Every structure is written in C-alpha cells, then in structure tokens.
Amino acid sequence: TKQKELEAKLKKNIEFEKTIFENNAAGIMIVDSKRNIVSVNRQLVTMFGYDDKSEIIGQNARFLHASDESYKKWAPKFERVKDGILLANTEYAGRQKNGTVIWCLFYGTSITLENGEDGVMWSLVDITKEKKARDELMCLNEMLERKVETESAKMVEHERLMMQQSRMSAMGEMIGAIAHQWRQPL
C-alpha cells in the first residue's frame, strides 16, 4: 500500500513536471554533452518556426545558431555551463526554420540526463521585438545627438555673428559721434 502511494505520488510529480516543461512561456531545450538536442518544449518549437519536435530532437544544437561565428562564440559558454557555471541573461542570435534571425535571452544550467550523462538545460526567451526597438532607439538617439550638435553649432555661429554685428554697430555709433564732434565748431 505504501509503495502504491509512493508510485502514485511519483507519477503525479512527473506529470506536474511535464506540464511545467511543456507549458512554459520560455522555450526550453535540453542538450547532451555532445550538444545534441535531447528534448524541447512546444514553445521552443514555435519560437524557431518548426512544426514538430521531431524536426529538432536528435539534431546538433549548432543548426539553431544564426551563423558559424555565433556557434564559435557560444562553444566556450556551453563548456562553462556544462562545468556547472550558471549562464544567465545572455543575448543570442538564432535562426528559424525559414532562415529568419531571432534574438533570444538565454539562461543555461547543467543537469544530469536520465542516462546519467551530463547535459545542459537552456531556457530561451524571444527578445527579437525588444532588440529591434532598442536598436531603433539607439539609432534615433544617435540621429538626435547629431542634430543637437548641428543645431548647437548653428546657435554658436549665430551668437558669434550677433556679437560681431553688435560690435560693428557700436563702432559705427562711435565713429558717427566722432564725425559729429569734428563737424561742430568749438
């Protein structure tokens, strides 16, 4: 009876964990030590534009990278996570099935797989829209900065001209006064 209760509780916990894994708002990918994808959730499949998990599971994680440079950049980070160092808040460029580049915020932690092998669990959040908005904002800020510099330079030049005109006007008045004095007999 006790064993059946424990089995039922274990089954319930497994179902609960599966529900959390499958219905998570973040895409989750579990890879083995050779970087082969062992498991993914529905959100990751959707995020990368695939129709089914079977298109991703069994592949090397390299195929999700946006480029070979991206993969080379990530290889050392994978090793660090595999060695137990948590990786958090790292931006990553991935490639969807149709070739579109997406930006993700990555979190990684080492885990032990069912077969006892070391692996890594990656959680990804799609930040493509935020990154585009941030890049556009940065571009607008640079444009605004250049415009402010241009307008400031114009204002400085305008002030310089105004001061010069003011000096010339004062000099003209002084010369007019001197000329008036010369014309007036003592």
Protein backbone atom coordinates (compact mmCIF):
# COMPACT_ATOMS: atom_id res chain seq x y z
CA THR A 1 0.00 0.00 0.00
CA LYS A 2 2.80 2.40 0.92
CA GLN A 3 4.62 1.55 -2.32
CA LYS A 4 1.48 2.20 -4.38
CA GLU A 5 1.03 5.57 -2.65
CA LEU A 6 4.63 6.48 -3.44
CA GLU A 7 4.23 5.34 -7.06
CA ALA A 8 1.06 7.42 -7.41
CA LYS A 9 2.78 10.44 -5.87
CA LEU A 10 5.81 9.96 -8.16
CA LYS A 11 3.53 9.66 -11.19
CA LYS A 12 1.73 12.84 -10.14
CA ASN A 13 5.06 14.69 -9.72
CA ILE A 14 6.24 13.51 -13.14
CA GLU A 15 3.00 14.71 -14.75
CA PHE A 16 3.34 18.03 -12.92
CA GLU A 17 6.93 18.49 -14.17
CA LYS A 18 5.89 17.57 -17.72
CA THR A 19 3.12 20.15 -17.56
CA ILE A 20 5.55 22.82 -16.36
CA PHE A 21 8.07 21.85 -19.07
CA GLU A 22 5.54 21.79 -21.92
CA ASN A 23 3.55 24.88 -20.95
CA ASN A 24 6.41 27.15 -20.01
CA ALA A 25 6.41 30.61 -21.63
CA ALA A 26 10.14 30.20 -22.29
CA GLY A 27 11.49 27.83 -24.90
CA ILE A 28 13.36 25.00 -23.19
CA MET A 29 15.98 22.81 -24.82
CA ILE A 30 17.96 20.03 -23.20
CA VAL A 31 21.23 19.01 -24.86
CA ASP A 32 23.71 16.26 -24.08
CA SER A 33 27.49 16.66 -23.69
CA LYS A 34 27.93 16.42 -27.49
CA ARG A 35 25.44 19.28 -27.92
CA ASN A 36 22.82 17.02 -29.45
CA ILE A 37 19.28 18.08 -28.61
CA VAL A 38 17.62 15.53 -26.34
CA SER A 39 14.35 17.29 -25.56
CA VAL A 40 12.47 20.51 -26.34
CA ASN A 41 9.16 22.01 -25.31
CA ARG A 42 6.40 23.33 -27.57
CA GLN A 43 7.41 26.96 -27.03
CA LEU A 44 10.89 26.34 -28.43
CA VAL A 45 9.42 24.56 -31.47
CA THR A 46 7.12 27.53 -32.07
CA MET A 47 9.86 30.10 -31.40
CA PHE A 48 12.11 28.61 -34.07
CA GLY A 49 9.23 28.13 -36.54
CA TYR A 50 9.19 24.34 -36.71
CA ASP A 51 6.07 22.22 -37.00
CA ASP A 52 7.03 19.36 -34.72
CA LYS A 53 9.56 18.45 -32.04
CA SER A 54 10.84 15.60 -34.21
CA GLU A 55 12.40 18.17 -36.57
CA ILE A 56 14.63 19.40 -33.73
CA ILE A 57 15.26 16.46 -31.39
CA GLY A 58 18.36 14.49 -32.34
CA GLN A 59 19.93 17.42 -34.21
CA ASN A 60 23.09 19.12 -33.06
CA ALA A 61 22.24 22.47 -31.44
CA ARG A 62 24.57 24.10 -33.97
CA PHE A 63 21.78 24.15 -36.57
CA LEU A 64 19.82 26.67 -34.45
CA HIS A 65 22.68 29.19 -34.43
CA ALA A 66 22.37 32.16 -36.77
CA SER A 67 25.92 31.67 -38.09
CA ASP A 68 29.15 29.75 -37.62
CA GLU A 69 30.60 32.79 -35.82
CA SER A 70 27.71 32.65 -33.38
CA TYR A 71 28.35 28.96 -32.79
CA LYS A 72 32.09 29.54 -32.21
CA LYS A 73 31.24 32.30 -29.76
CA TRP A 74 28.88 30.01 -27.86
CA ALA A 75 31.08 26.90 -27.69
CA PRO A 76 33.15 28.11 -24.69
CA LYS A 77 29.99 29.25 -22.88
CA PHE A 78 28.47 25.80 -23.35
CA GLU A 79 31.57 24.25 -21.77
CA ARG A 80 31.35 26.63 -18.80
CA VAL A 81 27.69 25.75 -18.21
CA LYS A 82 28.46 22.06 -18.62
CA ASP A 83 31.07 22.51 -15.87
CA GLY A 84 28.39 23.82 -13.52
CA ILE A 85 28.60 27.58 -14.03
CA LEU A 86 25.17 29.16 -14.44
CA LEU A 87 24.79 31.32 -17.54
CA ALA A 88 22.11 34.00 -17.35
CA ASN A 89 20.87 37.00 -19.32
CA THR A 90 22.98 36.38 -22.39
CA GLU A 91 21.74 37.53 -25.79
CA TYR A 92 21.94 35.01 -28.58
CA ALA A 93 21.16 35.15 -32.30
CA GLY A 94 19.30 32.06 -33.51
CA ARG A 95 17.97 31.02 -36.89
CA GLN A 96 14.40 29.96 -37.51
CA LYS A 97 13.45 27.20 -39.93
CA ASN A 98 12.74 29.79 -42.67
CA GLY A 99 16.17 31.43 -42.15
CA THR A 100 14.96 34.46 -40.19
CA VAL A 101 17.32 35.53 -37.43
CA ILE A 102 15.73 35.85 -33.99
CA TRP A 103 17.24 37.17 -30.79
CA CYS A 104 16.84 35.26 -27.56
CA LEU A 105 17.77 35.85 -23.97
CA PHE A 106 19.49 32.69 -22.76
CA TYR A 107 19.71 31.00 -19.41
CA GLY A 108 21.68 27.79 -19.03
CA THR A 109 22.29 25.35 -16.23
CA SER A 110 23.95 21.96 -16.06
CA ILE A 111 21.79 18.92 -15.42
CA THR A 112 22.18 15.16 -15.27
CA LEU A 113 20.27 13.37 -18.01
CA GLU A 114 18.22 10.20 -17.47
CA ASN A 115 21.11 8.05 -18.69
CA GLY A 116 23.44 9.63 -16.09
CA GLU A 117 25.28 11.73 -18.69
CA ASP A 118 25.96 15.42 -18.10
CA GLY A 119 23.84 17.82 -20.09
CA VAL A 120 22.67 21.39 -20.20
CA MET A 121 19.18 22.80 -19.98
CA TRP A 122 18.74 26.04 -21.92
CA SER A 123 15.81 28.39 -21.37
CA LEU A 124 15.26 30.90 -24.16
CA VAL A 125 13.01 33.94 -24.26
CA ASP A 126 12.39 35.59 -27.64
CA ILE A 127 13.52 39.23 -27.42
CA THR A 128 13.57 39.99 -31.16
CA LYS A 129 11.00 42.79 -30.89
CA GLU A 130 12.74 44.32 -27.87
CA LYS A 131 16.13 44.15 -29.58
CA LYS A 132 14.76 45.80 -32.74
CA ALA A 133 13.12 48.51 -30.63
CA ARG A 134 16.37 49.02 -28.69
CA ASP A 135 18.39 49.21 -31.93
CA GLU A 136 15.90 51.69 -33.41
CA LEU A 137 16.04 53.76 -30.22
CA MET A 138 19.83 53.76 -30.32
CA CYS A 139 19.73 54.85 -33.98
CA LEU A 140 17.23 57.61 -33.15
CA ASN A 141 19.39 58.73 -30.22
CA GLU A 142 22.46 58.93 -32.46
CA MET A 143 20.49 60.88 -35.06
CA LEU A 144 19.15 63.21 -32.36
CA GLU A 145 22.64 63.66 -30.96
CA ARG A 146 23.97 64.65 -34.40
CA LYS A 147 21.04 67.04 -34.87
CA VAL A 148 21.67 68.62 -31.45
CA GLU A 149 25.37 69.04 -32.32
CA THR A 150 24.45 70.62 -35.67
CA GLU A 151 21.89 72.95 -34.12
CA SER A 152 24.30 73.85 -31.29
CA ALA A 153 26.97 74.72 -33.85
CA LYS A 154 24.43 76.86 -35.73
CA MET A 155 23.46 78.63 -32.48
CA VAL A 156 27.10 79.30 -31.60
CA GLU A 157 27.72 80.69 -35.08
CA HIS A 158 24.54 82.79 -34.85
CA GLU A 159 25.64 84.19 -31.47
CA ARG A 160 29.10 84.96 -32.88
CA LEU A 161 27.53 86.85 -35.80
CA MET A 162 25.22 88.74 -33.43
CA MET A 163 28.17 89.78 -31.25
CA GLN A 164 30.12 90.86 -34.32
CA GLN A 165 27.12 92.87 -35.57
CA SER A 166 26.73 94.41 -32.12
CA ARG A 167 30.42 95.45 -32.11
CA MET A 168 30.13 96.86 -35.62
CA SER A 169 27.00 98.79 -34.61
CA ALA A 170 28.73 100.19 -31.52
CA MET A 171 31.78 101.12 -33.62
CA GLY A 172 29.51 102.80 -36.18
CA GLU A 173 27.83 104.85 -33.44
CA MET A 174 31.23 105.84 -32.03
CA ILE A 175 32.52 106.87 -35.49
CA GLY A 176 29.27 108.80 -36.04
CA ALA A 177 29.79 110.61 -32.71
CA ILE A 178 33.42 111.43 -33.62
CA ALA A 179 32.35 112.71 -37.04
CA HIS A 180 29.63 114.83 -35.40
CA GLN A 181 32.22 116.31 -32.99
CA TRP A 182 34.55 117.18 -35.89
CA ARG A 183 31.76 118.91 -37.75
CA GLN A 184 30.76 121.01 -34.75
CA PRO A 185 32.85 124.15 -34.32
CA LEU A 186 34.13 124.85 -30.85
